């Protein structure tokens, strides 16, 4: 049986979901840096994580698809700069 959450725990959970887009944006910016430095299989793994974070950050799926096809970290950085 699960125990009820405390007020403190509820507040943490609420704040996490309230700031989910900002968290995703921060992670996406970090992954753009990784994308600059990676190649091969690691680059593909970074892209998998990056696509999810770009969508959570608020980019339209068509725009994410276009960025993925271009495979240019500079374009992604420009798109993220507009969200900040």
PDB file of N, CA and C in Angstrom:
ATOM      1  N   UNK A   1       0.832  -1.164   0.000  1.00  0.00           N
ATOM      2  CA  UNK A   1       0.000   0.000   0.000  1.00  0.00           C
ATOM      3  C   UNK A   1       0.892   1.247   0.000  1.00  0.00           C
ATOM      4  N   UNK A   2       0.539   2.214  -0.820  1.00  0.00           N
ATOM      5  CA  UNK A   2       1.342   3.430  -0.897  1.00  0.00           C
ATOM      6  C   UNK A   2       0.897   4.433   0.164  1.00  0.00           C
ATOM      7  N   UNK A   3       1.852   5.146   0.651  1.00  0.00           N
ATOM      8  CA  UNK A   3       1.567   6.168   1.656  1.00  0.00           C
ATOM      9  C   UNK A   3       1.206   7.465   0.945  1.00  0.00           C
ATOM     10  N   UNK A   4       0.341   8.247   1.551  1.00  0.00           N
ATOM     11  CA  UNK A   4       0.003   9.535   0.932  1.00  0.00           C
ATOM     12  C   UNK A   4       1.230  10.456   0.921  1.00  0.00           C
ATOM     13  N   UNK A   5       1.260  11.298  -0.104  1.00  0.00           N
ATOM     14  CA  UNK A   5       2.383  12.241  -0.217  1.00  0.00           C
ATOM     15  C   UNK A   5       2.203  13.392   0.766  1.00  0.00           C
ATOM     16  N   UNK A   6       3.342  13.918   1.211  1.00  0.00           N
ATOM     17  CA  UNK A   6       3.302  15.080   2.094  1.00  0.00           C
ATOM     18  C   UNK A   6       3.060  16.330   1.252  1.00  0.00           C
ATOM     19  N   UNK A   7       2.753  17.419   1.899  1.00  0.00           N
ATOM     20  CA  UNK A   7       2.568  18.688   1.179  1.00  0.00           C
ATOM     21  C   UNK A   7       3.841  19.078   0.439  1.00  0.00           C
ATOM     22  N   UNK A   8       4.962  18.842   1.062  1.00  0.00           N
ATOM     23  CA  UNK A   8       6.257  19.163   0.464  1.00  0.00           C
ATOM     24  C   UNK A   8       6.466  18.373  -0.827  1.00  0.00           C
ATOM     25  N   UNK A   9       6.163  17.092  -0.797  1.00  0.00           N
ATOM     26  CA  UNK A   9       6.308  16.252  -1.979  1.00  0.00           C
ATOM     27  C   UNK A   9       5.350  16.696  -3.086  1.00  0.00           C
ATOM     28  N   UNK A  10       4.133  17.033  -2.712  1.00  0.00           N
ATOM     29  CA  UNK A  10       3.155  17.508  -3.689  1.00  0.00           C
ATOM     30  C   UNK A  10       3.634  18.802  -4.345  1.00  0.00           C
ATOM     31  N   UNK A  11       4.222  19.685  -3.552  1.00  0.00           N
ATOM     32  CA  UNK A  11       4.728  20.956  -4.077  1.00  0.00           C
ATOM     33  C   UNK A  11       5.865  20.719  -5.069  1.00  0.00           C
ATOM     34  N   UNK A  12       6.758  19.790  -4.761  1.00  0.00           N
ATOM     35  CA  UNK A  12       7.864  19.471  -5.660  1.00  0.00           C
ATOM     36  C   UNK A  12       7.334  18.929  -6.979  1.00  0.00           C
ATOM     37  N   UNK A  13       6.378  18.027  -6.918  1.00  0.00           N
ATOM     38  CA  UNK A  13       5.804  17.438  -8.130  1.00  0.00           C
ATOM     39  C   UNK A  13       5.102  18.503  -8.965  1.00  0.00           C
ATOM     40  N   UNK A  14       4.324  19.378  -8.307  1.00  0.00           N
ATOM     41  CA  UNK A  14       3.627  20.451  -9.012  1.00  0.00           C
ATOM     42  C   UNK A  14       4.607  21.392  -9.710  1.00  0.00           C
ATOM     43  N   UNK A  15       5.671  21.770  -9.004  1.00  0.00           N
ATOM     44  CA  UNK A  15       6.669  22.667  -9.585  1.00  0.00           C
ATOM     45  C   UNK A  15       7.394  22.021 -10.758  1.00  0.00           C
ATOM     46  N   UNK A  16       7.656  20.730 -10.663  1.00  0.00           N
ATOM     47  CA  UNK A  16       8.319  20.023 -11.765  1.00  0.00           C
ATOM     48  C   UNK A  16       7.467  20.108 -13.024  1.00  0.00           C
ATOM     49  N   UNK A  17       6.199  19.789 -12.932  1.00  0.00           N
ATOM     50  CA  UNK A  17       5.333  19.809 -14.109  1.00  0.00           C
ATOM     51  C   UNK A  17       5.038  21.224 -14.579  1.00  0.00           C
ATOM     52  N   UNK A  18       5.047  22.183 -13.675  1.00  0.00           N
ATOM     53  CA  UNK A  18       4.846  23.572 -14.068  1.00  0.00           C
ATOM     54  C   UNK A  18       6.039  24.072 -14.893  1.00  0.00           C
ATOM     55  N   UNK A  19       7.231  23.590 -14.568  1.00  0.00           N
ATOM     56  CA  UNK A  19       8.448  24.039 -15.245  1.00  0.00           C
ATOM     57  C   UNK A  19       8.979  23.040 -16.260  1.00  0.00           C
ATOM     58  N   UNK A  20       8.162  22.108 -16.683  1.00  0.00           N
ATOM     59  CA  UNK A  20       8.612  21.053 -17.581  1.00  0.00           C
ATOM     60  C   UNK A  20       9.158  21.597 -18.893  1.00  0.00           C
ATOM     61  N   UNK A  21       8.531  22.632 -19.455  1.00  0.00           N
ATOM     62  CA  UNK A  21       9.018  23.199 -20.708  1.00  0.00           C
ATOM     63  C   UNK A  21      10.387  23.860 -20.533  1.00  0.00           C
ATOM     64  N   UNK A  22      10.604  24.531 -19.416  1.00  0.00           N
ATOM     65  CA  UNK A  22      11.903  25.158 -19.156  1.00  0.00           C
ATOM     66  C   UNK A  22      12.981  24.095 -18.934  1.00  0.00           C
ATOM     67  N   UNK A  23      12.622  23.017 -18.266  1.00  0.00           N
ATOM     68  CA  UNK A  23      13.565  21.918 -18.050  1.00  0.00           C
ATOM     69  C   UNK A  23      13.941  21.290 -19.387  1.00  0.00           C
ATOM     70  N   UNK A  24      12.945  21.062 -20.241  1.00  0.00           N
ATOM     71  CA  UNK A  24      13.202  20.473 -21.557  1.00  0.00           C
ATOM     72  C   UNK A  24      14.059  21.403 -22.414  1.00  0.00           C
ATOM     73  N   UNK A  25      13.824  22.698 -22.317  1.00  0.00           N
ATOM     74  CA  UNK A  25      14.614  23.670 -23.069  1.00  0.00           C
ATOM     75  C   UNK A  25      16.081  23.632 -22.624  1.00  0.00           C
ATOM     76  N   UNK A  26      16.309  23.572 -21.328  1.00  0.00           N
ATOM     77  CA  UNK A  26      17.675  23.503 -20.801  1.00  0.00           C
ATOM     78  C   UNK A  26      18.371  22.226 -21.271  1.00  0.00           C
ATOM     79  N   UNK A  27      17.674  21.100 -21.204  1.00  0.00           N
ATOM     80  CA  UNK A  27      18.256  19.836 -21.652  1.00  0.00           C
ATOM     81  C   UNK A  27      18.554  19.871 -23.145  1.00  0.00           C
ATOM     82  N   UNK A  28      17.656  20.478 -23.926  1.00  0.00           N
ATOM     83  CA  UNK A  28      17.868  20.573 -25.370  1.00  0.00           C
ATOM     84  C   UNK A  28      19.113  21.400 -25.678  1.00  0.00           C
ATOM     85  N   UNK A  29      19.314  22.490 -24.942  1.00  0.00           N
ATOM     86  CA  UNK A  29      20.511  23.312 -25.172  1.00  0.00           C
ATOM     87  C   UNK A  29      21.785  22.527 -24.853  1.00  0.00           C
ATOM     88  N   UNK A  30      21.740  21.740 -23.799  1.00  0.00           N
ATOM     89  CA  UNK A  30      22.897  20.914 -23.456  1.00  0.00           C
ATOM     90  C   UNK A  30      23.146  19.853 -24.526  1.00  0.00           C
ATOM     91  N   UNK A  31      22.078  19.308 -25.093  1.00  0.00           N
ATOM     92  CA  UNK A  31      22.229  18.268 -26.100  1.00  0.00           C
ATOM     93  C   UNK A  31      22.711  18.821 -27.433  1.00  0.00           C
ATOM     94  N   UNK A  32      22.434  20.089 -27.716  1.00  0.00           N
ATOM     95  CA  UNK A  32      22.983  20.709 -28.933  1.00  0.00           C
ATOM     96  C   UNK A  32      24.499  20.741 -28.839  1.00  0.00           C
ATOM     97  N   UNK A  33      25.008  21.036 -27.652  1.00  0.00           N
ATOM     98  CA  UNK A  33      26.458  21.023 -27.443  1.00  0.00           C
ATOM     99  C   UNK A  33      27.014  19.619 -27.680  1.00  0.00           C
ATOM    100  N   UNK A  34      26.324  18.615 -27.154  1.00  0.00           N
ATOM    101  CA  UNK A  34      26.754  17.237 -27.372  1.00  0.00           C
ATOM    102  C   UNK A  34      26.710  16.889 -28.847  1.00  0.00           C
ATOM    103  N   UNK A  35      25.720  17.404 -29.561  1.00  0.00           N
ATOM    104  CA  UNK A  35      25.569  17.114 -30.987  1.00  0.00           C
ATOM    105  C   UNK A  35      26.746  17.664 -31.782  1.00  0.00           C
ATOM    106  N   UNK A  36      27.232  18.843 -31.406  1.00  0.00           N
ATOM    107  CA  UNK A  36      28.404  19.411 -32.065  1.00  0.00           C
ATOM    108  C   UNK A  36      29.605  18.477 -31.952  1.00  0.00           C
ATOM    109  N   UNK A  37      29.724  17.802 -30.816  1.00  0.00           N
ATOM    110  CA  UNK A  37      30.921  17.015 -30.522  1.00  0.00           C
ATOM    111  C   UNK A  37      30.802  15.537 -30.885  1.00  0.00           C
ATOM    112  N   UNK A  38      29.614  15.072 -31.200  1.00  0.00           N
ATOM    113  CA  UNK A  38      29.434  13.632 -31.409  1.00  0.00           C
ATOM    114  C   UNK A  38      29.373  13.281 -32.890  1.00  0.00           C
ATOM    115  N   UNK A  39      29.586  11.999 -33.140  1.00  0.00           N
ATOM    116  CA  UNK A  39      29.480  11.471 -34.504  1.00  0.00           C
ATOM    117  C   UNK A  39      29.148   9.987 -34.417  1.00  0.00           C
ATOM    118  N   UNK A  40      28.638   9.456 -35.512  1.00  0.00           N
ATOM    119  CA  UNK A  40      28.322   8.034 -35.569  1.00  0.00           C
ATOM    120  C   UNK A  40      27.121   7.654 -34.724  1.00  0.00           C
ATOM    121  N   UNK A  41      27.237   6.528 -34.028  1.00  0.00           N
ATOM    122  CA  UNK A  41      26.135   6.002 -33.220  1.00  0.00           C
ATOM    123  C   UNK A  41      25.788   6.933 -32.067  1.00  0.00           C
ATOM    124  N   UNK A  42      26.786   7.569 -31.496  1.00  0.00           N
ATOM    125  CA  UNK A  42      26.522   8.482 -30.376  1.00  0.00           C
ATOM    126  C   UNK A  42      25.692   9.668 -30.859  1.00  0.00           C
ATOM    127  N   UNK A  43      25.961  10.152 -32.065  1.00  0.00           N
ATOM    128  CA  UNK A  43      25.198  11.270 -32.613  1.00  0.00           C
ATOM    129  C   UNK A  43      23.727  10.880 -32.773  1.00  0.00           C
ATOM    130  N   UNK A  44      23.481   9.665 -33.207  1.00  0.00           N
ATOM    131  CA  UNK A  44      22.107   9.194 -33.366  1.00  0.00           C
ATOM    132  C   UNK A  44      21.395   9.117 -32.008  1.00  0.00           C
ATOM    133  N   UNK A  45      22.106   8.670 -30.985  1.00  0.00           N
ATOM    134  CA  UNK A  45      21.531   8.594 -29.640  1.00  0.00           C
ATOM    135  C   UNK A  45      21.206   9.993 -29.109  1.00  0.00           C
ATOM    136  N   UNK A  46      22.087  10.950 -29.379  1.00  0.00           N
ATOM    137  CA  UNK A  46      21.847  12.329 -28.947  1.00  0.00           C
ATOM    138  C   UNK A  46      20.612  12.876 -29.658  1.00  0.00           C
ATOM    139  N   UNK A  47      20.482  12.576 -30.950  1.00  0.00           N
ATOM    140  CA  UNK A  47      19.322  13.039 -31.704  1.00  0.00           C
ATOM    141  C   UNK A  47      18.026  12.486 -31.127  1.00  0.00           C
ATOM    142  N   UNK A  48      18.037  11.217 -30.717  1.00  0.00           N
ATOM    143  CA  UNK A  48      16.828  10.612 -30.157  1.00  0.00           C
ATOM    144  C   UNK A  48      16.359  11.381 -28.920  1.00  0.00           C
ATOM    145  N   UNK A  49      17.285  11.707 -28.040  1.00  0.00           N
ATOM    146  CA  UNK A  49      16.932  12.470 -26.833  1.00  0.00           C
ATOM    147  C   UNK A  49      16.544  13.909 -27.183  1.00  0.00           C
ATOM    148  N   UNK A  50      17.260  14.483 -28.125  1.00  0.00           N
ATOM    149  CA  UNK A  50      17.044  15.878 -28.498  1.00  0.00           C
ATOM    150  C   UNK A  50      15.658  16.091 -29.100  1.00  0.00           C
ATOM    151  N   UNK A  51      15.215  15.184 -29.935  1.00  0.00           N
ATOM    152  CA  UNK A  51      13.898  15.318 -30.563  1.00  0.00           C
ATOM    153  C   UNK A  51      12.803  15.388 -29.502  1.00  0.00           C
ATOM    154  N   UNK A  52      12.877  14.521 -28.517  1.00  0.00           N
ATOM    155  CA  UNK A  52      11.881  14.543 -27.447  1.00  0.00           C
ATOM    156  C   UNK A  52      11.891  15.841 -26.667  1.00  0.00           C
ATOM    157  N   UNK A  53      13.079  16.337 -26.363  1.00  0.00           N
ATOM    158  CA  UNK A  53      13.175  17.583 -25.599  1.00  0.00           C
ATOM    159  C   UNK A  53      12.758  18.796 -26.416  1.00  0.00           C
ATOM    160  N   UNK A  54      13.006  18.780 -27.721  1.00  0.00           N
ATOM    161  CA  UNK A  54      12.569  19.897 -28.557  1.00  0.00           C
ATOM    162  C   UNK A  54      11.049  19.979 -28.593  1.00  0.00           C
ATOM    163  N   UNK A  55      10.400  18.822 -28.673  1.00  0.00           N
ATOM    164  CA  UNK A  55       8.940  18.823 -28.680  1.00  0.00           C
ATOM    165  C   UNK A  55       8.383  19.261 -27.330  1.00  0.00           C
ATOM    166  N   UNK A  56       8.993  18.808 -26.240  1.00  0.00           N
ATOM    167  CA  UNK A  56       8.545  19.221 -24.907  1.00  0.00           C
ATOM    168  C   UNK A  56       8.779  20.708 -24.679  1.00  0.00           C
ATOM    169  N   UNK A  57       9.825  21.256 -25.305  1.00  0.00           N
ATOM    170  CA  UNK A  57      10.150  22.677 -25.134  1.00  0.00           C
ATOM    171  C   UNK A  57       9.179  23.577 -25.882  1.00  0.00           C
ATOM    172  N   UNK A  58       8.405  23.003 -26.824  1.00  0.00           N
ATOM    173  CA  UNK A  58       7.393  23.806 -27.495  1.00  0.00           C
ATOM    174  C   UNK A  58       7.577  23.971 -28.985  1.00  0.00           C
ATOM    175  N   UNK A  59       8.549  23.300 -29.585  1.00  0.00           N
ATOM    176  CA  UNK A  59       8.695  23.384 -31.034  1.00  0.00           C
ATOM    177  C   UNK A  59       7.660  22.495 -31.711  1.00  0.00           C
ATOM    178  N   UNK A  60       7.152  22.947 -32.833  1.00  0.00           N
ATOM    179  CA  UNK A  60       6.162  22.193 -33.594  1.00  0.00           C
ATOM    180  C   UNK A  60       6.828  20.936 -34.185  1.00  0.00           C
ATOM    181  N   UNK A  61       6.133  19.804 -34.204  1.00  0.00           N
ATOM    182  CA  UNK A  61       6.724  18.562 -34.729  1.00  0.00           C
ATOM    183  C   UNK A  61       7.262  18.683 -36.158  1.00  0.00           C
ATOM    184  N   UNK A  62       6.610  19.507 -36.995  1.00  0.00           N
ATOM    185  CA  UNK A  62       7.123  19.700 -38.355  1.00  0.00           C
ATOM    186  C   UNK A  62       8.466  20.424 -38.340  1.00  0.00           C
ATOM    187  N   UNK A  63       8.607  21.371 -37.448  1.00  0.00           N
ATOM    188  CA  UNK A  63       9.870  22.100 -37.333  1.00  0.00           C
ATOM    189  C   UNK A  63      10.963  21.171 -36.804  1.00  0.00           C
ATOM    190  N   UNK A  64      10.610  20.316 -35.850  1.00  0.00           N
ATOM    191  CA  UNK A  64      11.574  19.356 -35.314  1.00  0.00           C
ATOM    192  C   UNK A  64      12.024  18.408 -36.419  1.00  0.00           C
ATOM    193  N   UNK A  65      11.067  17.966 -37.226  1.00  0.00           N
ATOM    194  CA  UNK A  65      11.390  17.062 -38.338  1.00  0.00           C
ATOM    195  C   UNK A  65      12.337  17.737 -39.323  1.00  0.00           C
ATOM    196  N   UNK A  66      12.078  19.005 -39.623  1.00  0.00           N
ATOM    197  CA  UNK A  66      12.944  19.751 -40.537  1.00  0.00           C
ATOM    198  C   UNK A  66      14.358  19.879 -39.971  1.00  0.00           C
ATOM    199  N   UNK A  67      14.457  20.205 -38.690  1.00  0.00           N
ATOM    200  CA  UNK A  67      15.773  20.327 -38.055  1.00  0.00           C
ATOM    201  C   UNK A  67      16.510  18.989 -38.080  1.00  0.00           C
ATOM    202  N   UNK A  68      15.784  17.914 -37.874  1.00  0.00           N
ATOM    203  CA  UNK A  68      16.390  16.579 -37.882  1.00  0.00           C
ATOM    204  C   UNK A  68      16.924  16.248 -39.274  1.00  0.00           C
ATOM    205  N   UNK A  69      16.169  16.609 -40.300  1.00  0.00           N
ATOM    206  CA  UNK A  69      16.605  16.343 -41.674  1.00  0.00           C
ATOM    207  C   UNK A  69      17.834  17.165 -42.035  1.00  0.00           C
ATOM    208  N   UNK A  70      17.897  18.406 -41.550  1.00  0.00           N
ATOM    209  CA  UNK A  70      19.042  19.265 -41.846  1.00  0.00           C
ATOM    210  C   UNK A  70      20.291  18.810 -41.109  1.00  0.00           C
ATOM    211  N   UNK A  71      20.118  18.264 -39.912  1.00  0.00           N
ATOM    212  CA  UNK A  71      21.225  17.739 -39.092  1.00  0.00           C
ATOM    213  C   UNK A  71      22.314  18.792 -38.869  1.00  0.00           C
ATOM    214  N   UNK A  72      21.877  20.019 -38.578  1.00  0.00           N
ATOM    215  CA  UNK A  72      22.818  21.120 -38.355  1.00  0.00           C
ATOM    216  C   UNK A  72      22.591  21.701 -36.959  1.00  0.00           C
ATOM    217  N   UNK A  73      23.540  21.515 -36.048  1.00  0.00           N
ATOM    218  CA  UNK A  73      23.373  22.034 -34.684  1.00  0.00           C
ATOM    219  C   UNK A  73      23.181  23.551 -34.634  1.00  0.00           C
ATOM    220  N   UNK A  74      23.738  24.286 -35.590  1.00  0.00           N
ATOM    221  CA  UNK A  74      23.592  25.744 -35.596  1.00  0.00           C
ATOM    222  C   UNK A  74      22.132  26.138 -35.816  1.00  0.00           C
ATOM    223  N   UNK A  75      21.415  25.414 -36.664  1.00  0.00           N
ATOM    224  CA  UNK A  75      19.997  25.705 -36.887  1.00  0.00           C
ATOM    225  C   UNK A  75      19.177  25.430 -35.633  1.00  0.00           C
ATOM    226  N   UNK A  76      19.529  24.370 -34.932  1.00  0.00           N
ATOM    227  CA  UNK A  76      18.817  24.038 -33.701  1.00  0.00           C
ATOM    228  C   UNK A  76      19.060  25.121 -32.656  1.00  0.00           C
ATOM    229  N   UNK A  77      20.301  25.567 -32.560  1.00  0.00           N
ATOM    230  CA  UNK A  77      20.634  26.616 -31.597  1.00  0.00           C
ATOM    231  C   UNK A  77      19.844  27.891 -31.891  1.00  0.00           C
ATOM    232  N   UNK A  78      19.673  28.232 -33.168  1.00  0.00           N
ATOM    233  CA  UNK A  78      18.896  29.421 -33.539  1.00  0.00           C
ATOM    234  C   UNK A  78      17.428  29.244 -33.164  1.00  0.00           C
ATOM    235  N   UNK A  79      16.878  28.051 -33.399  1.00  0.00           N
ATOM    236  CA  UNK A  79      15.482  27.794 -33.042  1.00  0.00           C
ATOM    237  C   UNK A  79      15.282  27.869 -31.528  1.00  0.00           C
ATOM    238  N   UNK A  80      16.234  27.366 -30.771  1.00  0.00           N
ATOM    239  CA  UNK A  80      16.131  27.417 -29.313  1.00  0.00           C
ATOM    240  C   UNK A  80      16.296  28.837 -28.786  1.00  0.00           C
ATOM    241  N   UNK A  81      17.102  29.623 -29.467  1.00  0.00           N
ATOM    242  CA  UNK A  81      17.313  31.010 -29.052  1.00  0.00           C
ATOM    243  C   UNK A  81      15.997  31.792 -29.129  1.00  0.00           C
ATOM    244  N   UNK A  82      15.150  31.440 -30.092  1.00  0.00           N
ATOM    245  CA  UNK A  82      13.854  32.112 -30.234  1.00  0.00           C
ATOM    246  C   UNK A  82      12.913  31.764 -29.081  1.00  0.00           C
ATOM    247  N   UNK A  83      13.092  30.582 -28.491  1.00  0.00           N
ATOM    248  CA  UNK A  83      12.228  30.163 -27.394  1.00  0.00           C
ATOM    249  C   UNK A  83      12.634  30.780 -26.054  1.00  0.00           C
ATOM    250  N   UNK A  84      13.876  31.219 -25.960  1.00  0.00           N
ATOM    251  CA  UNK A  84      14.363  31.744 -24.691  1.00  0.00           C
ATOM    252  C   UNK A  84      13.865  33.109 -24.431  1.00  0.00           C
TER     253      UNK A  84
END
